[in-house]
Amino acid sequence: MPNYFLVIRANTPDELVKADFATISDATFDAITLIVQKENPAPIPPPAPRQIKVTYKGTLNVRRNPSASILTPIVGSIREGETRAVLEETIDSAKNIWVKIGDYQWFARIYQGNVKAIYL
């Protein structure tokens, strides 16, 4: 059976009081929140990675780091219509948006204001 307890907001927003459910039945409050806590809650699985689809007509370079600098090695490519799971997203100093699709594998989702790929 789950445990029940109430968090009661008193007249001052900074004052929170934990009270037994049975002892407050005759009281009047400005707000009451009921929180149900399970004995052993199951762990929440991580969210599934978001999928992204390349919409750019042609081939995009996949780079080692989220940068279009000539010093950043190209480690592969991705073509129009291909989809990948996105592990991470970041924005560089030029406001380009990069997505990580693998270890040391990044490509620009939005580059110089042009959309190259969209989330599904």
PDB file of N, CA and C in Angstrom:
ATOM      1  N   MET A   1       0.839  -1.176   0.000  1.00  0.00           N
ATOM      2  CA  MET A   1       0.000   0.000   0.000  1.00  0.00           C
ATOM      3  C   MET A   1       0.888   1.245   0.000  1.00  0.00           C
ATOM      4  N   PRO A   2       0.581   2.239  -0.830  1.00  0.00           N
ATOM      5  CA  PRO A   2       1.425   3.433  -0.870  1.00  0.00           C
ATOM      6  C   PRO A   2       1.283   4.271   0.388  1.00  0.00           C
ATOM      7  N   ASN A   3       2.298   5.065   0.646  1.00  0.00           N
ATOM      8  CA  ASN A   3       2.259   6.015   1.753  1.00  0.00           C
ATOM      9  C   ASN A   3       1.664   7.321   1.255  1.00  0.00           C
ATOM     10  N   TYR A   4       0.830   7.953   2.056  1.00  0.00           N
ATOM     11  CA  TYR A   4       0.228   9.229   1.700  1.00  0.00           C
ATOM     12  C   TYR A   4       0.678  10.276   2.695  1.00  0.00           C
ATOM     13  N   PHE A   5       1.007  11.444   2.187  1.00  0.00           N
ATOM     14  CA  PHE A   5       1.242  12.576   3.064  1.00  0.00           C
ATOM     15  C   PHE A   5       0.895  13.838   2.307  1.00  0.00           C
ATOM     16  N   LEU A   6       0.656  14.889   3.041  1.00  0.00           N
ATOM     17  CA  LEU A   6       0.260  16.157   2.436  1.00  0.00           C
ATOM     18  C   LEU A   6       1.343  17.188   2.642  1.00  0.00           C
ATOM     19  N   VAL A   7       1.518  18.015   1.636  1.00  0.00           N
ATOM     20  CA  VAL A   7       2.333  19.203   1.789  1.00  0.00           C
ATOM     21  C   VAL A   7       1.355  20.358   1.843  1.00  0.00           C
ATOM     22  N   ILE A   8       1.400  21.118   2.920  1.00  0.00           N
ATOM     23  CA  ILE A   8       0.436  22.191   3.135  1.00  0.00           C
ATOM     24  C   ILE A   8       1.159  23.519   3.013  1.00  0.00           C
ATOM     25  N   ARG A   9       0.653  24.372   2.151  1.00  0.00           N
ATOM     26  CA  ARG A   9       1.205  25.713   2.036  1.00  0.00           C
ATOM     27  C   ARG A   9       0.470  26.604   3.016  1.00  0.00           C
ATOM     28  N   ALA A  10       1.186  27.131   3.974  1.00  0.00           N
ATOM     29  CA  ALA A  10       0.580  28.044   4.942  1.00  0.00           C
ATOM     30  C   ALA A  10       0.415  29.406   4.270  1.00  0.00           C
ATOM     31  N   ASN A  11       0.026  30.410   5.034  1.00  0.00           N
ATOM     32  CA  ASN A  11      -0.190  31.731   4.465  1.00  0.00           C
ATOM     33  C   ASN A  11       1.083  32.368   3.915  1.00  0.00           C
ATOM     34  N   THR A  12       2.232  31.904   4.361  1.00  0.00           N
ATOM     35  CA  THR A  12       3.497  32.406   3.805  1.00  0.00           C
ATOM     36  C   THR A  12       4.034  31.355   2.844  1.00  0.00           C
ATOM     37  N   PRO A  13       4.418  31.727   1.624  1.00  0.00           N
ATOM     38  CA  PRO A  13       4.837  30.738   0.628  1.00  0.00           C
ATOM     39  C   PRO A  13       6.116  29.996   0.986  1.00  0.00           C
ATOM     40  N   ASP A  14       6.910  30.518   1.916  1.00  0.00           N
ATOM     41  CA  ASP A  14       8.165  29.859   2.271  1.00  0.00           C
ATOM     42  C   ASP A  14       7.990  28.788   3.345  1.00  0.00           C
ATOM     43  N   GLU A  15       6.817  28.703   3.943  1.00  0.00           N
ATOM     44  CA  GLU A  15       6.601  27.777   5.047  1.00  0.00           C
ATOM     45  C   GLU A  15       5.854  26.539   4.563  1.00  0.00           C
ATOM     46  N   LEU A  16       6.529  25.395   4.550  1.00  0.00           N
ATOM     47  CA  LEU A  16       5.902  24.128   4.174  1.00  0.00           C
ATOM     48  C   LEU A  16       5.847  23.238   5.409  1.00  0.00           C
ATOM     49  N   VAL A  17       4.721  22.570   5.581  1.00  0.00           N
ATOM     50  CA  VAL A  17       4.512  21.731   6.751  1.00  0.00           C
ATOM     51  C   VAL A  17       4.089  20.350   6.272  1.00  0.00           C
ATOM     52  N   LYS A  18       4.696  19.299   6.820  1.00  0.00           N
ATOM     53  CA  LYS A  18       4.268  17.934   6.529  1.00  0.00           C
ATOM     54  C   LYS A  18       3.271  17.535   7.613  1.00  0.00           C
ATOM     55  N   ALA A  19       2.122  17.044   7.216  1.00  0.00           N
ATOM     56  CA  ALA A  19       1.079  16.721   8.195  1.00  0.00           C
ATOM     57  C   ALA A  19       0.503  15.349   7.916  1.00  0.00           C
ATOM     58  N   ASP A  20      -0.023  14.728   8.934  1.00  0.00           N
ATOM     59  CA  ASP A  20      -0.712  13.453   8.809  1.00  0.00           C
ATOM     60  C   ASP A  20      -2.084  13.702   8.182  1.00  0.00           C
ATOM     61  N   PHE A  21      -2.474  12.878   7.220  1.00  0.00           N
ATOM     62  CA  PHE A  21      -3.743  13.064   6.508  1.00  0.00           C
ATOM     63  C   PHE A  21      -4.933  13.076   7.457  1.00  0.00           C
ATOM     64  N   ALA A  22      -4.927  12.202   8.441  1.00  0.00           N
ATOM     65  CA  ALA A  22      -6.071  12.077   9.336  1.00  0.00           C
ATOM     66  C   ALA A  22      -6.237  13.289  10.247  1.00  0.00           C
ATOM     67  N   THR A  23      -5.177  13.997  10.559  1.00  0.00           N
ATOM     68  CA  THR A  23      -5.268  15.093  11.520  1.00  0.00           C
ATOM     69  C   THR A  23      -5.678  16.411  10.883  1.00  0.00           C
ATOM     70  N   ILE A  24      -5.831  16.472   9.575  1.00  0.00           N
ATOM     71  CA  ILE A  24      -6.154  17.750   8.952  1.00  0.00           C
ATOM     72  C   ILE A  24      -7.564  17.788   8.369  1.00  0.00           C
ATOM     73  N   SER A  25      -8.362  16.783   8.604  1.00  0.00           N
ATOM     74  CA  SER A  25      -9.665  16.704   7.960  1.00  0.00           C
ATOM     75  C   SER A  25     -10.594  17.855   8.322  1.00  0.00           C
ATOM     76  N   ASP A  26     -10.450  18.466   9.499  1.00  0.00           N
ATOM     77  CA  ASP A  26     -11.317  19.569   9.899  1.00  0.00           C
ATOM     78  C   ASP A  26     -10.687  20.942   9.669  1.00  0.00           C
ATOM     79  N   ALA A  27      -9.474  20.997   9.156  1.00  0.00           N
ATOM     80  CA  ALA A  27      -8.768  22.270   8.994  1.00  0.00           C
ATOM     81  C   ALA A  27      -9.109  22.926   7.656  1.00  0.00           C
ATOM     82  N   THR A  28      -8.826  24.207   7.542  1.00  0.00           N
ATOM     83  CA  THR A  28      -9.030  24.959   6.308  1.00  0.00           C
ATOM     84  C   THR A  28      -7.687  25.504   5.838  1.00  0.00           C
ATOM     85  N   PHE A  29      -7.368  25.303   4.560  1.00  0.00           N
ATOM     86  CA  PHE A  29      -6.080  25.727   4.017  1.00  0.00           C
ATOM     87  C   PHE A  29      -6.295  26.472   2.710  1.00  0.00           C
ATOM     88  N   ASP A  30      -5.307  27.296   2.333  1.00  0.00           N
ATOM     89  CA  ASP A  30      -5.423  28.013   1.067  1.00  0.00           C
ATOM     90  C   ASP A  30      -4.990  27.153  -0.119  1.00  0.00           C
ATOM     91  N   ALA A  31      -4.183  26.119   0.115  1.00  0.00           N
ATOM     92  CA  ALA A  31      -3.788  25.200  -0.953  1.00  0.00           C
ATOM     93  C   ALA A  31      -3.293  23.900  -0.338  1.00  0.00           C
ATOM     94  N   ILE A  32      -3.669  22.780  -0.940  1.00  0.00           N
ATOM     95  CA  ILE A  32      -3.223  21.472  -0.468  1.00  0.00           C
ATOM     96  C   ILE A  32      -2.777  20.663  -1.679  1.00  0.00           C
ATOM     97  N   THR A  33      -1.632  20.015  -1.562  1.00  0.00           N
ATOM     98  CA  THR A  33      -1.134  19.140  -2.611  1.00  0.00           C
ATOM     99  C   THR A  33      -0.994  17.741  -2.027  1.00  0.00           C
ATOM    100  N   LEU A  34      -1.597  16.752  -2.656  1.00  0.00           N
ATOM    101  CA  LEU A  34      -1.476  15.369  -2.219  1.00  0.00           C
ATOM    102  C   LEU A  34      -0.383  14.707  -3.039  1.00  0.00           C
ATOM    103  N   ILE A  35       0.579  14.112  -2.347  1.00  0.00           N
ATOM    104  CA  ILE A  35       1.686  13.433  -3.008  1.00  0.00           C
ATOM    105  C   ILE A  35       1.603  11.959  -2.641  1.00  0.00           C
ATOM    106  N   VAL A  36       1.628  11.099  -3.636  1.00  0.00           N
ATOM    107  CA  VAL A  36       1.599   9.661  -3.418  1.00  0.00           C
ATOM    108  C   VAL A  36       2.995   9.123  -3.665  1.00  0.00           C
ATOM    109  N   GLN A  37       3.532   8.444  -2.680  1.00  0.00           N
ATOM    110  CA  GLN A  37       4.869   7.891  -2.796  1.00  0.00           C
ATOM    111  C   GLN A  37       4.785   6.377  -2.724  1.00  0.00           C
ATOM    112  N   LYS A  38       5.296   5.692  -3.721  1.00  0.00           N
ATOM    113  CA  LYS A  38       5.277   4.233  -3.720  1.00  0.00           C
ATOM    114  C   LYS A  38       6.409   3.723  -2.833  1.00  0.00           C
ATOM    115  N   GLU A  39       6.213   2.512  -2.303  1.00  0.00           N
ATOM    116  CA  GLU A  39       7.217   1.913  -1.435  1.00  0.00           C
ATOM    117  C   GLU A  39       8.564   1.782  -2.144  1.00  0.00           C
ATOM    118  N   ASN A  40       8.584   1.120  -3.278  1.00  0.00           N
ATOM    119  CA  ASN A  40       9.802   0.929  -4.055  1.00  0.00           C
ATOM    120  C   ASN A  40       9.523   1.318  -5.499  1.00  0.00           C
ATOM    121  N   PRO A  41       9.642   2.602  -5.816  1.00  0.00           N
ATOM    122  CA  PRO A  41       9.323   3.008  -7.188  1.00  0.00           C
ATOM    123  C   PRO A  41      10.288   2.382  -8.189  1.00  0.00           C
ATOM    124  N   ALA A  42       9.734   1.998  -9.319  1.00  0.00           N
ATOM    125  CA  ALA A  42      10.554   1.413 -10.382  1.00  0.00           C
ATOM    126  C   ALA A  42      11.415   2.505 -10.996  1.00  0.00           C
ATOM    127  N   PRO A  43      12.645   2.176 -11.405  1.00  0.00           N
ATOM    128  CA  PRO A  43      13.481   3.195 -12.041  1.00  0.00           C
ATOM    129  C   PRO A  43      12.868   3.656 -13.359  1.00  0.00           C
ATOM    130  N   ILE A  44      13.007   4.914 -13.644  1.00  0.00           N
ATOM    131  CA  ILE A  44      12.475   5.474 -14.885  1.00  0.00           C
ATOM    132  C   ILE A  44      13.496   5.253 -15.985  1.00  0.00           C
ATOM    133  N   PRO A  45      13.109   4.601 -17.071  1.00  0.00           N
ATOM    134  CA  PRO A  45      14.078   4.363 -18.148  1.00  0.00           C
ATOM    135  C   PRO A  45      14.427   5.674 -18.839  1.00  0.00           C
ATOM    136  N   PRO A  46      15.638   5.790 -19.375  1.00  0.00           N
ATOM    137  CA  PRO A  46      15.997   7.013 -20.084  1.00  0.00           C
ATOM    138  C   PRO A  46      15.142   7.165 -21.334  1.00  0.00           C
ATOM    139  N   PRO A  47      14.889   8.397 -21.758  1.00  0.00           N
ATOM    140  CA  PRO A  47      14.083   8.580 -22.959  1.00  0.00           C
ATOM    141  C   PRO A  47      14.799   8.034 -24.186  1.00  0.00           C
ATOM    142  N   ALA A  48      14.025   7.579 -25.138  1.00  0.00           N
ATOM    143  CA  ALA A  48      14.612   7.090 -26.383  1.00  0.00           C
ATOM    144  C   ALA A  48      15.250   8.262 -27.121  1.00  0.00           C
ATOM    145  N   PRO A  49      16.377   8.029 -27.790  1.00  0.00           N
ATOM    146  CA  PRO A  49      16.999   9.119 -28.537  1.00  0.00           C
ATOM    147  C   PRO A  49      16.054   9.652 -29.613  1.00  0.00           C
ATOM    148  N   ARG A  50      16.098  10.950 -29.832  1.00  0.00           N
ATOM    149  CA  ARG A  50      15.290  11.549 -30.890  1.00  0.00           C
ATOM    150  C   ARG A  50      15.904  11.192 -32.234  1.00  0.00           C
ATOM    151  N   GLN A  51      15.060  10.997 -33.209  1.00  0.00           N
ATOM    152  CA  GLN A  51      15.507  10.676 -34.560  1.00  0.00           C
ATOM    153  C   GLN A  51      15.551  11.950 -35.398  1.00  0.00           C
ATOM    154  N   ILE A  52      16.545  12.026 -36.251  1.00  0.00           N
ATOM    155  CA  ILE A  52      16.694  13.177 -37.130  1.00  0.00           C
ATOM    156  C   ILE A  52      16.834  12.676 -38.561  1.00  0.00           C
ATOM    157  N   LYS A  53      16.289  13.446 -39.508  1.00  0.00           N
ATOM    158  CA  LYS A  53      16.342  13.079 -40.921  1.00  0.00           C
ATOM    159  C   LYS A  53      17.008  14.206 -41.700  1.00  0.00           C
ATOM    160  N   VAL A  54      17.967  13.844 -42.546  1.00  0.00           N
ATOM    161  CA  VAL A  54      18.657  14.824 -43.374  1.00  0.00           C
ATOM    162  C   VAL A  54      17.722  15.265 -44.496  1.00  0.00           C
ATOM    163  N   THR A  55      17.540  16.593 -44.619  1.00  0.00           N
ATOM    164  CA  THR A  55      16.695  17.160 -45.672  1.00  0.00           C
ATOM    165  C   THR A  55      17.521  17.908 -46.713  1.00  0.00           C
ATOM    166  N   TYR A  56      18.805  18.072 -46.455  1.00  0.00           N
ATOM    167  CA  TYR A  56      19.710  18.768 -47.370  1.00  0.00           C
ATOM    168  C   TYR A  56      19.868  17.956 -48.653  1.00  0.00           C
ATOM    169  N   LYS A  57      19.755  18.622 -49.780  1.00  0.00           N
ATOM    170  CA  LYS A  57      19.901  17.945 -51.079  1.00  0.00           C
ATOM    171  C   LYS A  57      21.382  17.769 -51.376  1.00  0.00           C
ATOM    172  N   GLY A  58      21.870  16.610 -51.073  1.00  0.00           N
ATOM    173  CA  GLY A  58      23.299  16.340 -51.286  1.00  0.00           C
ATOM    174  C   GLY A  58      23.852  15.560 -50.105  1.00  0.00           C
ATOM    175  N   THR A  59      25.136  15.784 -49.831  1.00  0.00           N
ATOM    176  CA  THR A  59      25.825  15.067 -48.770  1.00  0.00           C
ATOM    177  C   THR A  59      26.350  16.049 -47.732  1.00  0.00           C
ATOM    178  N   LEU A  60      26.144  15.719 -46.466  1.00  0.00           N
ATOM    179  CA  LEU A  60      26.681  16.520 -45.370  1.00  0.00           C
ATOM    180  C   LEU A  60      27.913  15.839 -44.802  1.00  0.00           C
ATOM    181  N   ASN A  61      28.893  16.645 -44.427  1.00  0.00           N
ATOM    182  CA  ASN A  61      30.081  16.106 -43.776  1.00  0.00           C
ATOM    183  C   ASN A  61      29.785  15.784 -42.319  1.00  0.00           C
ATOM    184  N   VAL A  62      30.237  14.639 -41.874  1.00  0.00           N
ATOM    185  CA  VAL A  62      30.196  14.273 -40.458  1.00  0.00           C
ATOM    186  C   VAL A  62      31.600  14.545 -39.937  1.00  0.00           C
ATOM    187  N   ARG A  63      31.686  15.346 -38.868  1.00  0.00           N
ATOM    188  CA  ARG A  63      32.975  15.793 -38.358  1.00  0.00           C
ATOM    189  C   ARG A  63      33.262  15.226 -36.976  1.00  0.00           C
ATOM    190  N   ARG A  64      34.529  15.260 -36.621  1.00  0.00           N
ATOM    191  CA  ARG A  64      34.973  14.732 -35.336  1.00  0.00           C
ATOM    192  C   ARG A  64      34.443  15.562 -34.167  1.00  0.00           C
ATOM    193  N   ASN A  65      34.298  16.845 -34.360  1.00  0.00           N
ATOM    194  CA  ASN A  65      33.818  17.776 -33.334  1.00  0.00           C
ATOM    195  C   ASN A  65      32.765  18.684 -33.958  1.00  0.00           C
ATOM    196  N   PRO A  66      31.968  19.370 -33.141  1.00  0.00           N
ATOM    197  CA  PRO A  66      30.944  20.262 -33.681  1.00  0.00           C
ATOM    198  C   PRO A  66      31.542  21.592 -34.153  1.00  0.00           C
ATOM    199  N   SER A  67      32.243  21.536 -35.276  1.00  0.00           N
ATOM    200  CA  SER A  67      32.896  22.714 -35.835  1.00  0.00           C
ATOM    201  C   SER A  67      33.108  22.514 -37.323  1.00  0.00           C
ATOM    202  N   ALA A  68      32.935  23.598 -38.092  1.00  0.00           N
ATOM    203  CA  ALA A  68      33.170  23.532 -39.533  1.00  0.00           C
ATOM    204  C   ALA A  68      34.573  24.009 -39.893  1.00  0.00           C
ATOM    205  N   SER A  69      35.399  24.191 -38.899  1.00  0.00           N
ATOM    206  CA  SER A  69      36.776  24.630 -39.135  1.00  0.00           C
ATOM    207  C   SER A  69      37.511  23.621 -40.014  1.00  0.00           C
ATOM    208  N   ILE A  70      38.407  24.132 -40.853  1.00  0.00           N
ATOM    209  CA  ILE A  70      39.205  23.221 -41.694  1.00  0.00           C
ATOM    210  C   ILE A  70      40.139  22.365 -40.844  1.00  0.00           C
ATOM    211  N   LEU A  71      40.303  22.734 -39.575  1.00  0.00           N
ATOM    212  CA  LEU A  71      41.140  21.947 -38.666  1.00  0.00           C
ATOM    213  C   LEU A  71      40.385  20.782 -38.038  1.00  0.00           C
ATOM    214  N   THR A  72      39.054  20.767 -38.198  1.00  0.00           N
ATOM    215  CA  THR A  72      38.241  19.677 -37.650  1.00  0.00           C
ATOM    216  C   THR A  72      38.131  18.563 -38.688  1.00  0.00           C
ATOM    217  N   PRO A  73      38.649  17.387 -38.373  1.00  0.00           N
ATOM    218  CA  PRO A  73      38.637  16.299 -39.354  1.00  0.00           C
ATOM    219  C   PRO A  73      37.227  15.844 -39.745  1.00  0.00           C
ATOM    220  N   ILE A  74      37.057  15.524 -41.015  1.00  0.00           N
ATOM    221  CA  ILE A  74      35.825  14.903 -41.523  1.00  0.00           C
ATOM    222  C   ILE A  74      35.983  13.403 -41.334  1.00  0.00           C
ATOM    223  N   VAL A  75      34.992  12.784 -40.660  1.00  0.00           N
ATOM    224  CA  VAL A  75      35.095  11.350 -40.365  1.00  0.00           C
ATOM    225  C   VAL A  75      34.071  10.526 -41.132  1.00  0.00           C
ATOM    226  N   GLY A  76      33.235  11.180 -41.945  1.00  0.00           N
ATOM    227  CA  GLY A  76      32.237  10.458 -42.712  1.00  0.00           C
ATOM    228  C   GLY A  76      31.296  11.433 -43.395  1.00  0.00           C
ATOM    229  N   SER A  77      30.193  10.902 -43.885  1.00  0.00           N
ATOM    230  CA  SER A  77      29.188  11.738 -44.544  1.00  0.00           C
ATOM    231  C   SER A  77      27.812  11.128 -44.328  1.00  0.00           C
ATOM    232  N   ILE A  78      26.807  11.943 -44.575  1.00  0.00           N
ATOM    233  CA  ILE A  78      25.421  11.503 -44.441  1.00  0.00           C
ATOM    234  C   ILE A  78      24.638  12.159 -45.572  1.00  0.00           C
ATOM    235  N   ARG A  79      23.710  11.416 -46.190  1.00  0.00           N
ATOM    236  CA  ARG A  79      22.994  11.887 -47.387  1.00  0.00           C
ATOM    237  C   ARG A  79      21.549  12.242 -47.094  1.00  0.00           C
ATOM    238  N   GLU A  80      20.944  12.935 -48.025  1.00  0.00           N
ATOM    239  CA  GLU A  80      19.529  13.295 -47.957  1.00  0.00           C
ATOM    240  C   GLU A  80      18.682  12.048 -47.734  1.00  0.00           C
ATOM    241  N   GLY A  81      17.733  12.143 -46.799  1.00  0.00           N
ATOM    242  CA  GLY A  81      16.819  11.050 -46.520  1.00  0.00           C
ATOM    243  C   GLY A  81      17.285  10.100 -45.427  1.00  0.00           C
ATOM    244  N   GLU A  82      18.570  10.116 -45.095  1.00  0.00           N
ATOM    245  CA  GLU A  82      19.065   9.226 -44.041  1.00  0.00           C
ATOM    246  C   GLU A  82      18.603   9.726 -42.677  1.00  0.00           C
ATOM    247  N   THR A  83      18.356   8.790 -41.770  1.00  0.00           N
ATOM    248  CA  THR A  83      17.959   9.127 -40.403  1.00  0.00           C
ATOM    249  C   THR A  83      18.987   8.572 -39.433  1.00  0.00           C
ATOM    250  N   ARG A  84      19.102   9.245 -38.302  1.00  0.00           N
ATOM    251  CA  ARG A  84      20.011   8.818 -37.243  1.00  0.00           C
ATOM    252  C   ARG A  84      19.400   9.170 -35.895  1.00  0.00           C
ATOM    253  N   ALA A  85      19.848   8.483 -34.864  1.00  0.00           N
ATOM    254  CA  ALA A  85      19.486   8.826 -33.489  1.00  0.00           C
ATOM    255  C   ALA A  85      20.421   9.933 -33.022  1.00  0.00           C
ATOM    256  N   VAL A  86      19.852  10.952 -32.387  1.00  0.00           N
ATOM    257  CA  VAL A  86      20.645  12.074 -31.888  1.00  0.00           C
ATOM    258  C   VAL A  86      20.979  11.827 -30.426  1.00  0.00           C
ATOM    259  N   LEU A  87      22.265  11.851 -30.118  1.00  0.00           N
ATOM    260  CA  LEU A  87      22.723  11.631 -28.755  1.00  0.00           C
ATOM    261  C   LEU A  87      22.882  12.932 -27.979  1.00  0.00           C
ATOM    262  N   GLU A  88      23.125  14.015 -28.702  1.00  0.00           N
ATOM    263  CA  GLU A  88      23.380  15.303 -28.061  1.00  0.00           C
ATOM    264  C   GLU A  88      23.222  16.399 -29.106  1.00  0.00           C
ATOM    265  N   GLU A  89      22.994  17.624 -28.645  1.00  0.00           N
ATOM    266  CA  GLU A  89      22.909  18.775 -29.544  1.00  0.00           C
ATOM    267  C   GLU A  89      23.656  19.929 -28.896  1.00  0.00           C
ATOM    268  N   THR A  90      24.340  20.743 -29.708  1.00  0.00           N
ATOM    269  CA  THR A  90      25.051  21.895 -29.180  1.00  0.00           C
ATOM    270  C   THR A  90      25.027  23.027 -30.199  1.00  0.00           C
ATOM    271  N   ILE A  91      25.310  24.234 -29.731  1.00  0.00           N
ATOM    272  CA  ILE A  91      25.357  25.416 -30.591  1.00  0.00           C
ATOM    273  C   ILE A  91      26.763  25.984 -30.520  1.00  0.00           C
ATOM    274  N   ASP A  92      27.362  26.264 -31.680  1.00  0.00           N
ATOM    275  CA  ASP A  92      28.710  26.840 -31.680  1.00  0.00           C
ATOM    276  C   ASP A  92      28.644  28.371 -31.580  1.00  0.00           C
ATOM    277  N   SER A  93      29.803  29.008 -31.558  1.00  0.00           N
ATOM    278  CA  SER A  93      29.861  30.465 -31.377  1.00  0.00           C
ATOM    279  C   SER A  93      29.239  31.235 -32.533  1.00  0.00           C
ATOM    280  N   ALA A  94      29.126  30.616 -33.708  1.00  0.00           N
ATOM    281  CA  ALA A  94      28.501  31.249 -34.882  1.00  0.00           C
ATOM    282  C   ALA A  94      27.001  30.968 -34.952  1.00  0.00           C
ATOM    283  N   LYS A  95      26.444  30.358 -33.901  1.00  0.00           N
ATOM    284  CA  LYS A  95      25.014  30.021 -33.799  1.00  0.00           C
ATOM    285  C   LYS A  95      24.589  28.881 -34.718  1.00  0.00           C
ATOM    286  N   ASN A  96      25.535  28.075 -35.196  1.00  0.00           N
ATOM    287  CA  ASN A  96      25.203  26.862 -35.944  1.00  0.00           C
ATOM    288  C   ASN A  96      24.812  25.791 -34.928  1.00  0.00           C
ATOM    289  N   ILE A  97      23.848  24.951 -35.270  1.00  0.00           N
ATOM    290  CA  ILE A  97      23.386  23.897 -34.366  1.00  0.00           C
ATOM    291  C   ILE A  97      23.903  22.554 -34.878  1.00  0.00           C
ATOM    292  N   TRP A  98      24.621  21.853 -34.004  1.00  0.00           N
ATOM    293  CA  TRP A  98      25.247  20.572 -34.342  1.00  0.00           C
ATOM    294  C   TRP A  98      24.592  19.447 -33.560  1.00  0.00           C
ATOM    295  N   VAL A  99      24.493  18.267 -34.184  1.00  0.00           N
ATOM    296  CA  VAL A  99      23.969  17.082 -33.505  1.00  0.00           C
ATOM    297  C   VAL A  99      25.032  15.993 -33.495  1.00  0.00           C
ATOM    298  N   LYS A 100      25.073  15.297 -32.374  1.00  0.00           N
ATOM    299  CA  LYS A 100      26.004  14.177 -32.225  1.00  0.00           C
ATOM    300  C   LYS A 100      25.259  12.893 -32.554  1.00  0.00           C
ATOM    301  N   ILE A 101      25.801  12.097 -33.470  1.00  0.00           N
ATOM    302  CA  ILE A 101      25.143  10.855 -33.882  1.00  0.00           C
ATOM    303  C   ILE A 101      25.965   9.617 -33.537  1.00  0.00           C
ATOM    304  N   GLY A 102      27.103   9.816 -32.902  1.00  0.00           N
ATOM    305  CA  GLY A 102      27.979   8.724 -32.501  1.00  0.00           C
ATOM    306  C   GLY A 102      29.205   9.302 -31.823  1.00  0.00           C
ATOM    307  N   ASP A 103      30.092   8.428 -31.347  1.00  0.00           N
ATOM    308  CA  ASP A 103      31.328   8.905 -30.743  1.00  0.00           C
ATOM    309  C   ASP A 103      32.143   9.650 -31.791  1.00  0.00           C
ATOM    310  N   TYR A 104      32.441  10.915 -31.492  1.00  0.00           N
ATOM    311  CA  TYR A 104      33.218  11.769 -32.393  1.00  0.00           C
ATOM    312  C   TYR A 104      32.583  11.875 -33.777  1.00  0.00           C
ATOM    313  N   GLN A 105      31.244  11.923 -33.813  1.00  0.00           N
ATOM    314  CA  GLN A 105      30.513  12.055 -35.083  1.00  0.00           C
ATOM    315  C   GLN A 105      29.454  13.145 -34.924  1.00  0.00           C
ATOM    316  N   TRP A 106      29.681  14.292 -35.562  1.00  0.00           N
ATOM    317  CA  TRP A 106      28.796  15.445 -35.490  1.00  0.00           C
ATOM    318  C   TRP A 106      28.497  15.960 -36.887  1.00  0.00           C
ATOM    319  N   PHE A 107      27.272  16.449 -37.091  1.00  0.00           N
ATOM    320  CA  PHE A 107      26.991  17.186 -38.321  1.00  0.00           C
ATOM    321  C   PHE A 107      26.074  18.354 -38.002  1.00  0.00           C
ATOM    322  N   ALA A 108      26.095  19.347 -38.861  1.00  0.00           N
ATOM    323  CA  ALA A 108      25.329  20.565 -38.628  1.00  0.00           C
ATOM    324  C   ALA A 108      23.873  20.344 -39.006  1.00  0.00           C
ATOM    325  N   ARG A 109      22.987  20.519 -38.023  1.00  0.00           N
ATOM    326  CA  ARG A 109      21.542  20.452 -38.278  1.00  0.00           C
ATOM    327  C   ARG A 109      21.072  21.762 -38.898  1.00  0.00           C
ATOM    328  N   ILE A 110      21.588  22.872 -38.393  1.00  0.00           N
ATOM    329  CA  ILE A 110      21.333  24.193 -38.973  1.00  0.00           C
ATOM    330  C   ILE A 110      22.690  24.864 -39.128  1.00  0.00           C
ATOM    331  N   TYR A 111      23.026  25.237 -40.359  1.00  0.00           N
ATOM    332  CA  TYR A 111      24.332  25.846 -40.633  1.00  0.00           C
ATOM    333  C   TYR A 111      24.122  27.158 -41.382  1.00  0.00           C
ATOM    334  N   GLN A 112      24.653  28.234 -40.836  1.00  0.00           N
ATOM    335  CA  GLN A 112      24.512  29.579 -41.397  1.00  0.00           C
ATOM    336  C   GLN A 112      23.044  29.907 -41.699  1.00  0.00           C
ATOM    337  N   GLY A 113      22.174  29.494 -40.785  1.00  0.00           N
ATOM    338  CA  GLY A 113      20.746  29.778 -40.903  1.00  0.00           C
ATOM    339  C   GLY A 113      19.976  28.842 -41.807  1.00  0.00           C
ATOM    340  N   ASN A 114      20.640  27.903 -42.452  1.00  0.00           N
ATOM    341  CA  ASN A 114      19.987  26.963 -43.367  1.00  0.00           C
ATOM    342  C   ASN A 114      19.762  25.618 -42.674  1.00  0.00           C
ATOM    343  N   VAL A 115      18.522  25.137 -42.706  1.00  0.00           N
ATOM    344  CA  VAL A 115      18.169  23.858 -42.084  1.00  0.00           C
ATOM    345  C   VAL A 115      18.659  22.722 -42.968  1.00  0.00           C
ATOM    346  N   LYS A 116      19.452  21.843 -42.379  1.00  0.00           N
ATOM    347  CA  LYS A 116      20.019  20.698 -43.099  1.00  0.00           C
ATOM    348  C   LYS A 116      19.358  19.377 -42.722  1.00  0.00           C
ATOM    349  N   ALA A 117      18.719  19.354 -41.536  1.00  0.00           N
ATOM    350  CA  ALA A 117      18.071  18.129 -41.068  1.00  0.00           C
ATOM    351  C   ALA A 117      16.961  18.519 -40.086  1.00  0.00           C
ATOM    352  N   ILE A 118      15.938  17.663 -39.997  1.00  0.00           N
ATOM    353  CA  ILE A 118      14.804  17.935 -39.115  1.00  0.00           C
ATOM    354  C   ILE A 118      14.567  16.745 -38.198  1.00  0.00           C
ATOM    355  N   TYR A 119      14.023  17.043 -37.004  1.00  0.00           N
ATOM    356  CA  TYR A 119      13.640  15.971 -36.086  1.00  0.00           C
ATOM    357  C   TYR A 119      12.342  15.331 -36.555  1.00  0.00           C
ATOM    358  N   LEU A 120      12.261  14.039 -36.390  1.00  0.00           N
ATOM    359  CA  LEU A 120      11.055  13.295 -36.753  1.00  0.00           C
ATOM    360  C   LEU A 120      10.107  13.239 -35.577  1.00  0.00           C
TER     361      LEU A 120
END
